[in-house]
Amino acid sequence: MATKTEDETGVTTGAETAEKKADGPGRETTAEVAENTPHAADDTDGEPTAQAGGAPAAGPSGVGQGAGAVVSVVLGLASLNGGWLGTVAAARQTLIGQLETSSRAGVAQQIQAVYGDAWQATALWAGVFALAALVTGFVVLARPAFGAPGRPQAPWIKSVAWAGVTVGVIGLLLAVLKYTGILFGLPSAS
């Protein structure tokens, strides 16, 4: 015989009952075991920990924050090595420098047009990646302040986000030093 019951939260559940068998005293039927078993959604502090069917309770899982933290680190690493876009921009700038520089131009002008501008293009793209890493890392770190109160951010997410911010700062510093010529400046033409 099937019956439907409603618990104190208003959720209707179907419970199958069986008639008590005369197997002996102290034996419980399926319905009695179900009635005496605490609900999966009840917790010691009264907050639900699982939904019907054993699924975890709805709420932020931190997957997006974790992905953002990893993206921050990857962007920071791309800023350190220049990335594919930096390489393509440098090659393009080298070609433009070769096409626009006349053969009558001085040696210093040719070096700047062919090599210096390409070096600065690489540094510029490295700086873009470093800034993207910084912004992404800071957004991940600031997200809990605007999210669900009382839900702490997983420690690994904070660690990876801080790593992304750190690598981004290093990448930005190196990009500025490369762009200004302080780090690996062009050789003099004399």
N, C-alpha and C. Protein backbone atom coordinates (compact mmCIF):
# COMPACT_ATOMS: atom_id res chain seq x y z
N MET A 1 0.84 -1.15 0.00
CA MET A 1 0.00 0.00 0.00
C MET A 1 0.89 1.23 0.00
N ALA A 2 0.66 2.19 -0.88
CA ALA A 2 1.46 3.40 -0.97
C ALA A 2 0.71 4.56 -0.35
N THR A 3 1.41 5.37 0.42
CA THR A 3 0.80 6.55 1.02
C THR A 3 1.70 7.74 0.76
N LYS A 4 1.13 8.94 0.80
CA LYS A 4 1.90 10.16 0.65
C LYS A 4 1.81 10.91 1.95
N THR A 5 2.96 11.40 2.39
CA THR A 5 2.99 12.15 3.64
C THR A 5 3.62 13.51 3.37
N GLU A 6 3.34 14.48 4.22
CA GLU A 6 3.90 15.81 4.11
C GLU A 6 4.67 16.09 5.38
N ASP A 7 5.96 16.44 5.22
CA ASP A 7 6.75 16.72 6.42
C ASP A 7 6.59 18.18 6.83
N GLU A 8 7.32 18.61 7.86
CA GLU A 8 7.14 19.95 8.40
C GLU A 8 7.57 21.05 7.45
N THR A 9 8.33 20.77 6.39
CA THR A 9 8.72 21.79 5.43
C THR A 9 7.72 21.92 4.29
N GLY A 10 6.73 21.08 4.24
CA GLY A 10 5.72 21.15 3.21
C GLY A 10 6.05 20.31 2.00
N VAL A 11 7.08 19.50 2.04
CA VAL A 11 7.46 18.65 0.93
C VAL A 11 6.68 17.35 1.01
N THR A 12 6.05 17.00 -0.09
CA THR A 12 5.27 15.77 -0.12
C THR A 12 6.17 14.64 -0.58
N THR A 13 6.20 13.58 0.18
CA THR A 13 7.02 12.43 -0.17
C THR A 13 6.15 11.20 -0.22
N GLY A 14 6.54 10.27 -1.06
CA GLY A 14 5.81 9.01 -1.15
C GLY A 14 6.53 7.96 -0.32
N ALA A 15 5.82 7.32 0.54
CA ALA A 15 6.43 6.27 1.36
C ALA A 15 5.60 5.02 1.20
N GLU A 16 6.28 3.95 0.96
CA GLU A 16 5.58 2.69 0.79
C GLU A 16 5.50 2.01 2.15
N THR A 17 4.33 1.61 2.51
CA THR A 17 4.16 0.95 3.80
C THR A 17 3.90 -0.52 3.58
N ALA A 18 4.28 -1.28 4.52
CA ALA A 18 4.04 -2.71 4.48
C ALA A 18 3.36 -3.10 5.77
N GLU A 19 2.57 -4.09 5.66
CA GLU A 19 1.91 -4.54 6.87
C GLU A 19 2.90 -5.29 7.72
N LYS A 20 2.71 -5.16 9.00
CA LYS A 20 3.62 -5.79 9.94
C LYS A 20 3.45 -7.29 9.86
N LYS A 21 4.56 -7.96 9.70
CA LYS A 21 4.51 -9.41 9.64
C LYS A 21 4.61 -9.95 11.04
N ALA A 22 4.16 -11.06 11.20
CA ALA A 22 4.19 -11.69 12.51
C ALA A 22 5.44 -12.52 12.67
N ASP A 23 6.61 -11.90 12.31
CA ASP A 23 7.87 -12.61 12.41
C ASP A 23 8.41 -12.62 13.82
N GLY A 24 7.87 -11.82 14.63
CA GLY A 24 8.36 -11.80 16.00
C GLY A 24 8.39 -10.38 16.52
N PRO A 25 8.49 -10.25 17.82
CA PRO A 25 8.50 -8.92 18.42
C PRO A 25 9.83 -8.22 18.12
N GLY A 26 9.77 -6.89 18.04
CA GLY A 26 10.98 -6.09 17.85
C GLY A 26 11.36 -5.87 16.40
N ARG A 27 10.68 -6.51 15.46
CA ARG A 27 11.01 -6.32 14.04
C ARG A 27 10.25 -5.10 13.53
N GLU A 28 10.96 -4.24 12.78
CA GLU A 28 10.33 -3.05 12.23
C GLU A 28 10.07 -3.26 10.74
N THR A 29 9.00 -2.66 10.27
CA THR A 29 8.69 -2.74 8.84
C THR A 29 9.44 -1.63 8.12
N THR A 30 9.37 -1.66 6.81
CA THR A 30 10.04 -0.65 6.00
C THR A 30 9.53 0.74 6.34
N ALA A 31 8.25 0.92 6.53
CA ALA A 31 7.67 2.22 6.85
C ALA A 31 8.15 2.71 8.20
N GLU A 32 8.26 1.81 9.18
CA GLU A 32 8.72 2.23 10.50
C GLU A 32 10.18 2.64 10.48
N VAL A 33 11.01 1.95 9.68
CA VAL A 33 12.41 2.33 9.56
C VAL A 33 12.51 3.70 8.91
N ALA A 34 11.71 3.95 7.87
CA ALA A 34 11.74 5.24 7.20
C ALA A 34 11.29 6.36 8.13
N GLU A 35 10.31 6.10 8.98
CA GLU A 35 9.84 7.12 9.91
C GLU A 35 10.88 7.42 10.98
N ASN A 36 11.65 6.43 11.39
CA ASN A 36 12.61 6.62 12.46
C ASN A 36 13.97 7.12 11.96
N THR A 37 14.19 7.15 10.66
CA THR A 37 15.45 7.61 10.10
C THR A 37 15.40 9.12 9.93
N PRO A 38 16.42 9.85 10.39
CA PRO A 38 16.41 11.30 10.21
C PRO A 38 16.54 11.65 8.73
N HIS A 39 15.94 12.77 8.36
CA HIS A 39 15.97 13.23 6.97
C HIS A 39 17.37 13.67 6.61
N ALA A 40 17.75 13.49 5.34
CA ALA A 40 19.08 13.88 4.88
C ALA A 40 19.24 15.40 4.88
N ALA A 41 18.12 16.12 4.80
CA ALA A 41 18.21 17.57 4.75
C ALA A 41 18.36 18.20 6.12
N ASP A 42 18.17 17.44 7.19
CA ASP A 42 18.29 18.00 8.53
C ASP A 42 19.73 17.97 8.96
N ASP A 43 20.16 19.02 9.63
CA ASP A 43 21.52 19.12 10.12
C ASP A 43 21.46 19.56 11.56
N THR A 44 22.55 19.48 12.26
CA THR A 44 22.53 19.84 13.67
C THR A 44 22.25 21.31 13.89
N ASP A 45 22.63 22.18 12.96
CA ASP A 45 22.35 23.59 13.13
C ASP A 45 21.09 24.04 12.41
N GLY A 46 20.34 23.11 11.84
CA GLY A 46 19.06 23.43 11.23
C GLY A 46 19.15 23.88 9.79
N GLU A 47 20.34 23.93 9.21
CA GLU A 47 20.46 24.36 7.83
C GLU A 47 20.51 23.14 6.93
N PRO A 48 19.87 23.21 5.77
CA PRO A 48 19.85 22.06 4.87
C PRO A 48 21.24 21.81 4.30
N THR A 49 21.62 20.54 4.27
CA THR A 49 22.90 20.16 3.68
C THR A 49 22.72 19.36 2.41
N ALA A 50 21.54 18.82 2.18
CA ALA A 50 21.31 18.05 0.97
C ALA A 50 19.86 18.18 0.58
N GLN A 51 19.61 18.03 -0.71
CA GLN A 51 18.25 18.06 -1.21
C GLN A 51 17.74 16.63 -1.29
N ALA A 52 16.48 16.50 -1.69
CA ALA A 52 15.90 15.17 -1.84
C ALA A 52 16.70 14.39 -2.88
N GLY A 53 16.93 13.15 -2.62
CA GLY A 53 17.69 12.33 -3.53
C GLY A 53 19.17 12.32 -3.21
N GLY A 54 19.59 13.01 -2.14
CA GLY A 54 20.98 13.00 -1.73
C GLY A 54 21.85 14.01 -2.46
N ALA A 55 21.28 14.87 -3.31
CA ALA A 55 22.08 15.86 -4.02
C ALA A 55 22.49 16.96 -3.06
N PRO A 56 23.66 17.56 -3.26
CA PRO A 56 24.08 18.63 -2.37
C PRO A 56 23.18 19.84 -2.50
N ALA A 57 23.12 20.64 -1.46
CA ALA A 57 22.27 21.82 -1.45
C ALA A 57 22.76 22.82 -2.48
N ALA A 58 21.81 23.57 -3.02
CA ALA A 58 22.15 24.57 -4.02
C ALA A 58 22.90 25.70 -3.36
N GLY A 59 23.84 26.26 -4.08
CA GLY A 59 24.63 27.36 -3.56
C GLY A 59 25.89 27.49 -4.38
N PRO A 60 26.65 28.54 -4.15
CA PRO A 60 27.87 28.72 -4.92
C PRO A 60 28.88 27.63 -4.62
N SER A 61 29.41 27.04 -5.67
CA SER A 61 30.35 25.94 -5.49
C SER A 61 31.80 26.41 -5.56
N GLY A 62 32.04 27.60 -6.05
CA GLY A 62 33.40 28.10 -6.16
C GLY A 62 34.11 27.70 -7.43
N VAL A 63 33.42 27.02 -8.34
CA VAL A 63 34.05 26.57 -9.59
C VAL A 63 34.48 27.77 -10.42
N GLY A 64 33.63 28.76 -10.53
CA GLY A 64 33.97 29.96 -11.30
C GLY A 64 35.14 30.71 -10.70
N GLN A 65 35.17 30.80 -9.37
CA GLN A 65 36.27 31.48 -8.72
C GLN A 65 37.58 30.72 -8.91
N GLY A 66 37.51 29.40 -8.81
CA GLY A 66 38.70 28.58 -9.04
C GLY A 66 39.21 28.72 -10.46
N ALA A 67 38.29 28.72 -11.41
CA ALA A 67 38.68 28.88 -12.81
C ALA A 67 39.31 30.26 -13.04
N GLY A 68 38.72 31.28 -12.42
CA GLY A 68 39.28 32.62 -12.54
C GLY A 68 40.67 32.72 -11.96
N ALA A 69 40.91 32.04 -10.85
CA ALA A 69 42.23 32.05 -10.23
C ALA A 69 43.25 31.38 -11.15
N VAL A 70 42.88 30.25 -11.75
CA VAL A 70 43.79 29.55 -12.66
C VAL A 70 44.06 30.40 -13.90
N VAL A 71 43.03 31.06 -14.42
CA VAL A 71 43.20 31.93 -15.59
C VAL A 71 44.15 33.07 -15.25
N SER A 72 44.05 33.60 -14.04
CA SER A 72 44.95 34.66 -13.62
C SER A 72 46.41 34.21 -13.67
N VAL A 73 46.68 33.01 -13.18
CA VAL A 73 48.05 32.48 -13.22
C VAL A 73 48.51 32.28 -14.66
N VAL A 74 47.66 31.73 -15.50
CA VAL A 74 48.03 31.48 -16.89
C VAL A 74 48.31 32.79 -17.62
N LEU A 75 47.49 33.81 -17.38
CA LEU A 75 47.75 35.11 -18.00
C LEU A 75 49.06 35.71 -17.50
N GLY A 76 49.33 35.52 -16.21
CA GLY A 76 50.60 36.00 -15.68
C GLY A 76 51.79 35.31 -16.31
N LEU A 77 51.69 34.01 -16.51
CA LEU A 77 52.78 33.28 -17.18
C LEU A 77 52.92 33.71 -18.63
N ALA A 78 51.80 33.99 -19.28
CA ALA A 78 51.87 34.48 -20.66
C ALA A 78 52.56 35.84 -20.72
N SER A 79 52.39 36.64 -19.68
CA SER A 79 53.07 37.94 -19.68
C SER A 79 54.57 37.78 -19.52
N LEU A 80 55.00 36.72 -18.86
CA LEU A 80 56.44 36.51 -18.67
C LEU A 80 57.13 36.06 -19.95
N ASN A 81 56.45 35.25 -20.76
CA ASN A 81 57.10 34.76 -21.97
C ASN A 81 56.65 35.49 -23.22
N GLY A 82 55.76 36.46 -23.10
CA GLY A 82 55.33 37.26 -24.25
C GLY A 82 54.11 36.71 -24.95
N GLY A 83 53.94 35.41 -24.93
CA GLY A 83 52.77 34.81 -25.54
C GLY A 83 52.84 34.83 -27.06
N TRP A 84 51.93 34.13 -27.64
CA TRP A 84 51.86 34.02 -29.09
C TRP A 84 51.55 35.37 -29.72
N LEU A 85 50.64 36.14 -29.12
CA LEU A 85 50.29 37.45 -29.68
C LEU A 85 51.49 38.39 -29.68
N GLY A 86 52.30 38.33 -28.63
CA GLY A 86 53.50 39.16 -28.59
C GLY A 86 54.48 38.80 -29.67
N THR A 87 54.63 37.51 -29.94
CA THR A 87 55.53 37.06 -31.00
C THR A 87 55.04 37.51 -32.37
N VAL A 88 53.75 37.38 -32.61
CA VAL A 88 53.18 37.81 -33.89
C VAL A 88 53.29 39.32 -34.05
N ALA A 89 53.02 40.07 -32.99
CA ALA A 89 53.12 41.53 -33.05
C ALA A 89 54.56 41.96 -33.31
N ALA A 90 55.52 41.27 -32.70
CA ALA A 90 56.93 41.61 -32.93
C ALA A 90 57.33 41.32 -34.37
N ALA A 91 56.91 40.18 -34.90
CA ALA A 91 57.24 39.84 -36.28
C ALA A 91 56.61 40.84 -37.25
N ARG A 92 55.40 41.23 -36.96
CA ARG A 92 54.71 42.22 -37.81
C ARG A 92 55.43 43.56 -37.76
N GLN A 93 55.83 43.96 -36.56
CA GLN A 93 56.52 45.24 -36.41
C GLN A 93 57.88 45.21 -37.09
N THR A 94 58.55 44.07 -37.07
CA THR A 94 59.83 43.92 -37.77
C THR A 94 59.63 44.10 -39.27
N LEU A 95 58.58 43.48 -39.81
CA LEU A 95 58.29 43.61 -41.23
C LEU A 95 57.96 45.05 -41.60
N ILE A 96 57.17 45.70 -40.78
CA ILE A 96 56.83 47.11 -41.04
C ILE A 96 58.08 47.97 -41.01
N GLY A 97 58.95 47.70 -40.02
CA GLY A 97 60.20 48.45 -39.94
C GLY A 97 61.08 48.26 -41.15
N GLN A 98 61.13 47.05 -41.68
CA GLN A 98 61.94 46.78 -42.87
C GLN A 98 61.37 47.47 -44.09
N LEU A 99 60.04 47.50 -44.20
CA LEU A 99 59.40 48.12 -45.37
C LEU A 99 59.49 49.64 -45.33
N GLU A 100 59.38 50.22 -44.15
CA GLU A 100 59.32 51.68 -44.05
C GLU A 100 60.68 52.35 -43.94
N THR A 101 61.71 51.60 -43.62
CA THR A 101 63.03 52.19 -43.46
C THR A 101 63.76 52.14 -44.79
N SER A 102 64.21 53.29 -45.19
CA SER A 102 64.94 53.32 -46.47
C SER A 102 66.38 52.86 -46.24
N SER A 103 66.99 52.49 -47.33
CA SER A 103 68.38 52.02 -47.23
C SER A 103 69.33 53.17 -46.92
N ARG A 104 68.87 54.39 -47.11
CA ARG A 104 69.71 55.56 -46.83
C ARG A 104 69.60 56.02 -45.38
N ALA A 105 68.74 55.35 -44.61
CA ALA A 105 68.57 55.74 -43.21
C ALA A 105 69.82 55.37 -42.43
N GLY A 106 70.05 56.09 -41.35
CA GLY A 106 71.21 55.81 -40.52
C GLY A 106 71.07 54.47 -39.81
N VAL A 107 72.16 53.97 -39.28
CA VAL A 107 72.18 52.67 -38.61
C VAL A 107 71.30 52.69 -37.37
N ALA A 108 71.37 53.75 -36.60
CA ALA A 108 70.55 53.85 -35.38
C ALA A 108 69.06 53.83 -35.72
N GLN A 109 68.70 54.51 -36.78
CA GLN A 109 67.29 54.54 -37.20
C GLN A 109 66.85 53.16 -37.69
N GLN A 110 67.70 52.46 -38.42
CA GLN A 110 67.37 51.12 -38.88
C GLN A 110 67.23 50.14 -37.71
N ILE A 111 68.12 50.22 -36.74
CA ILE A 111 68.04 49.35 -35.56
C ILE A 111 66.74 49.59 -34.82
N GLN A 112 66.40 50.86 -34.63
CA GLN A 112 65.17 51.18 -33.91
C GLN A 112 63.94 50.70 -34.68
N ALA A 113 63.91 50.92 -36.00
CA ALA A 113 62.73 50.56 -36.80
C ALA A 113 62.57 49.05 -36.92
N VAL A 114 63.66 48.32 -37.05
CA VAL A 114 63.56 46.88 -37.29
C VAL A 114 63.51 46.09 -35.98
N TYR A 115 64.34 46.48 -35.03
CA TYR A 115 64.43 45.68 -33.80
C TYR A 115 63.77 46.36 -32.58
N GLY A 116 63.99 47.64 -32.43
CA GLY A 116 63.48 48.35 -31.25
C GLY A 116 61.96 48.37 -31.19
N ASP A 117 61.31 48.68 -32.30
CA ASP A 117 59.85 48.71 -32.32
C ASP A 117 59.25 47.33 -32.09
N ALA A 118 59.91 46.30 -32.63
CA ALA A 118 59.44 44.93 -32.40
C ALA A 118 59.58 44.54 -30.93
N TRP A 119 60.69 44.95 -30.32
CA TRP A 119 60.91 44.67 -28.90
C TRP A 119 59.85 45.36 -28.04
N GLN A 120 59.53 46.60 -28.41
CA GLN A 120 58.50 47.33 -27.67
C GLN A 120 57.11 46.73 -27.88
N ALA A 121 56.84 46.19 -29.06
CA ALA A 121 55.56 45.53 -29.31
C ALA A 121 55.42 44.29 -28.44
N THR A 122 56.52 43.54 -28.30
CA THR A 122 56.50 42.36 -27.43
C THR A 122 56.25 42.79 -25.98
N ALA A 123 56.94 43.83 -25.56
CA ALA A 123 56.77 44.33 -24.18
C ALA A 123 55.36 44.84 -23.95
N LEU A 124 54.79 45.48 -24.95
CA LEU A 124 53.43 46.00 -24.82
C LEU A 124 52.43 44.87 -24.61
N TRP A 125 52.54 43.79 -25.40
CA TRP A 125 51.63 42.66 -25.24
C TRP A 125 51.85 41.93 -23.92
N ALA A 126 53.11 41.87 -23.49
CA ALA A 126 53.38 41.27 -22.18
C ALA A 126 52.71 42.09 -21.07
N GLY A 127 52.74 43.40 -21.21
CA GLY A 127 52.07 44.27 -20.24
C GLY A 127 50.57 44.09 -20.24
N VAL A 128 49.99 43.89 -21.42
CA VAL A 128 48.54 43.65 -21.51
C VAL A 128 48.17 42.35 -20.77
N PHE A 129 48.95 41.30 -21.01
CA PHE A 129 48.69 40.03 -20.32
C PHE A 129 48.88 40.18 -18.81
N ALA A 130 49.89 40.93 -18.40
CA ALA A 130 50.13 41.13 -16.97
C ALA A 130 48.98 41.90 -16.32
N LEU A 131 48.49 42.93 -16.98
CA LEU A 131 47.34 43.67 -16.44
C LEU A 131 46.10 42.80 -16.36
N ALA A 132 45.89 41.96 -17.38
CA ALA A 132 44.74 41.04 -17.35
C ALA A 132 44.87 40.06 -16.19
N ALA A 133 46.09 39.59 -15.93
CA ALA A 133 46.31 38.69 -14.80
C ALA A 133 46.02 39.39 -13.48
N LEU A 134 46.47 40.62 -13.35
CA LEU A 134 46.22 41.39 -12.12
C LEU A 134 44.73 41.61 -11.89
N VAL A 135 44.04 42.06 -12.92
CA VAL A 135 42.61 42.33 -12.77
C VAL A 135 41.85 41.05 -12.44
N THR A 136 42.14 39.97 -13.14
CA THR A 136 41.45 38.71 -12.89
C THR A 136 41.72 38.21 -11.48
N GLY A 137 42.97 38.27 -11.04
CA GLY A 137 43.31 37.84 -9.69
C GLY A 137 42.62 38.68 -8.63
N PHE A 138 42.58 39.99 -8.81
CA PHE A 138 41.92 40.86 -7.84
C PHE A 138 40.41 40.64 -7.81
N VAL A 139 39.82 40.38 -8.96
CA VAL A 139 38.38 40.10 -9.00
C VAL A 139 38.07 38.82 -8.23
N VAL A 140 38.89 37.79 -8.41
CA VAL A 140 38.67 36.54 -7.68
C VAL A 140 38.84 36.75 -6.18
N LEU A 141 39.84 37.53 -5.79
CA LEU A 141 40.06 37.77 -4.36
C LEU A 141 38.97 38.65 -3.75
N ALA A 142 38.41 39.57 -4.54
CA ALA A 142 37.37 40.46 -4.02
C ALA A 142 35.98 39.86 -4.10
N ARG A 143 35.79 38.79 -4.83
CA ARG A 143 34.47 38.19 -5.06
C ARG A 143 33.74 37.82 -3.77
N PRO A 144 34.39 37.24 -2.76
CA PRO A 144 33.63 36.88 -1.55
C PRO A 144 32.98 38.07 -0.85
N ALA A 145 33.53 39.25 -1.00
CA ALA A 145 32.94 40.43 -0.36
C ALA A 145 31.58 40.77 -0.98
N PHE A 146 31.36 40.35 -2.22
CA PHE A 146 30.11 40.65 -2.90
C PHE A 146 29.23 39.42 -3.08
N GLY A 147 29.66 38.29 -2.57
CA GLY A 147 28.92 37.04 -2.73
C GLY A 147 28.05 36.74 -1.53
N ALA A 148 27.80 35.47 -1.32
CA ALA A 148 26.96 35.01 -0.23
C ALA A 148 27.70 35.19 1.09
N PRO A 149 27.13 35.94 2.04
CA PRO A 149 27.80 36.11 3.32
C PRO A 149 27.86 34.79 4.08
N GLY A 150 28.94 34.58 4.78
CA GLY A 150 29.07 33.36 5.56
C GLY A 150 29.65 32.20 4.79
N ARG A 151 29.86 32.33 3.49
CA ARG A 151 30.45 31.25 2.70
C ARG A 151 31.90 31.62 2.43
N PRO A 152 32.82 31.04 3.17
CA PRO A 152 34.22 31.39 2.97
C PRO A 152 34.76 30.85 1.65
N GLN A 153 35.74 31.54 1.13
CA GLN A 153 36.38 31.11 -0.11
C GLN A 153 37.37 30.00 0.22
N ALA A 154 37.42 29.02 -0.64
CA ALA A 154 38.33 27.89 -0.43
C ALA A 154 39.78 28.39 -0.40
N PRO A 155 40.58 27.86 0.50
CA PRO A 155 41.97 28.33 0.62
C PRO A 155 42.78 28.16 -0.67
N TRP A 156 42.54 27.10 -1.42
CA TRP A 156 43.32 26.90 -2.64
C TRP A 156 42.99 27.97 -3.67
N ILE A 157 41.75 28.46 -3.67
CA ILE A 157 41.38 29.52 -4.62
C ILE A 157 42.13 30.80 -4.28
N LYS A 158 42.19 31.13 -2.99
CA LYS A 158 42.93 32.32 -2.57
C LYS A 158 44.40 32.19 -2.93
N SER A 159 44.97 31.02 -2.68
CA SER A 159 46.39 30.82 -2.97
C SER A 159 46.70 30.97 -4.45
N VAL A 160 45.89 30.36 -5.29
CA VAL A 160 46.12 30.44 -6.73
C VAL A 160 45.88 31.86 -7.24
N ALA A 161 44.87 32.54 -6.69
CA ALA A 161 44.61 33.93 -7.10
C ALA A 161 45.77 34.84 -6.70
N TRP A 162 46.29 34.64 -5.50
CA TRP A 162 47.46 35.44 -5.08
C TRP A 162 48.67 35.12 -5.95
N ALA A 163 48.83 33.88 -6.36
CA ALA A 163 49.92 33.53 -7.27
C ALA A 163 49.75 34.25 -8.60
N GLY A 164 48.51 34.32 -9.10
CA GLY A 164 48.25 35.03 -10.34
C GLY A 164 48.55 36.52 -10.23
N VAL A 165 48.17 37.11 -9.09
CA VAL A 165 48.46 38.53 -8.87
C VAL A 165 49.97 38.75 -8.80
N THR A 166 50.67 37.87 -8.10
CA THR A 166 52.12 38.01 -7.95
C THR A 166 52.84 37.88 -9.30
N VAL A 167 52.47 36.87 -10.07
CA VAL A 167 53.09 36.69 -11.38
C VAL A 167 52.71 37.86 -12.30
N GLY A 168 51.50 38.38 -12.15
CA GLY A 168 51.10 39.54 -12.94
C GLY A 168 51.91 40.78 -12.61
N VAL A 169 52.20 41.00 -11.32
CA VAL A 169 53.03 42.14 -10.92
C VAL A 169 54.44 42.00 -11.49
N ILE A 170 55.00 40.80 -11.39
CA ILE A 170 56.34 40.56 -11.94
C ILE A 170 56.32 40.78 -13.46
N GLY A 171 55.31 40.25 -14.13
CA GLY A 171 55.21 40.43 -15.58
C GLY A 171 55.05 41.89 -15.97
N LEU A 172 54.26 42.64 -15.21
CA LEU A 172 54.08 44.06 -15.52
C LEU A 172 55.38 44.84 -15.31
N LEU A 173 56.10 44.53 -14.25
CA LEU A 173 57.37 45.19 -13.99
C LEU A 173 58.36 44.89 -15.12
N LEU A 174 58.45 43.64 -15.54
CA LEU A 174 59.36 43.28 -16.63
C LEU A 174 58.94 43.93 -17.94
N ALA A 175 57.63 44.02 -18.19
CA ALA A 175 57.15 44.65 -19.43
C ALA A 175 57.52 46.13 -19.47
N VAL A 176 57.38 46.81 -18.34
CA VAL A 176 57.75 48.23 -18.29
C VAL A 176 59.25 48.39 -18.49
N LEU A 177 60.04 47.52 -17.86
CA LEU A 177 61.50 47.61 -18.01
C LEU A 177 61.93 47.32 -19.45
N LYS A 178 61.26 46.37 -20.12
CA LYS A 178 61.59 46.07 -21.52
C LYS A 178 61.16 47.22 -22.44
N TYR A 179 59.98 47.77 -22.21
CA TYR A 179 59.46 48.82 -23.08
C TYR A 179 60.31 50.08 -23.01
N THR A 180 60.77 50.41 -21.81
CA THR A 180 61.56 51.62 -21.64
C THR A 180 63.02 51.42 -22.04
N GLY A 181 63.45 50.20 -22.26
CA GLY A 181 64.82 49.92 -22.67
C GLY A 181 65.78 49.76 -21.51
N ILE A 182 65.28 49.78 -20.29
CA ILE A 182 66.15 49.57 -19.12
C ILE A 182 66.64 48.13 -19.10
N LEU A 183 65.75 47.19 -19.43
CA LEU A 183 66.12 45.78 -19.48
C LEU A 183 66.34 45.39 -20.93
N PHE A 184 67.51 44.97 -21.26
CA PHE A 184 67.89 44.57 -22.62
C PHE A 184 67.63 45.68 -23.63
N GLY A 185 68.18 46.83 -23.37
CA GLY A 185 68.06 47.95 -24.30
C GLY A 185 68.78 47.68 -25.60
N LEU A 186 68.46 48.47 -26.61
CA LEU A 186 69.11 48.31 -27.92
C LEU A 186 70.57 48.72 -27.84
N PRO A 187 71.40 48.03 -28.59
CA PRO A 187 72.83 48.44 -28.61
C PRO A 187 73.00 49.78 -29.32
N SER A 188 74.03 50.48 -28.95
CA SER A 188 74.27 51.77 -29.60
C SER A 188 74.80 51.54 -31.01
N ALA A 189 74.53 52.47 -31.88
CA ALA A 189 74.93 52.34 -33.29
C ALA A 189 76.38 52.74 -33.52
N SER A 190 77.03 53.33 -32.56
CA SER A 190 78.39 53.80 -32.79
C SER A 190 79.42 52.73 -32.64
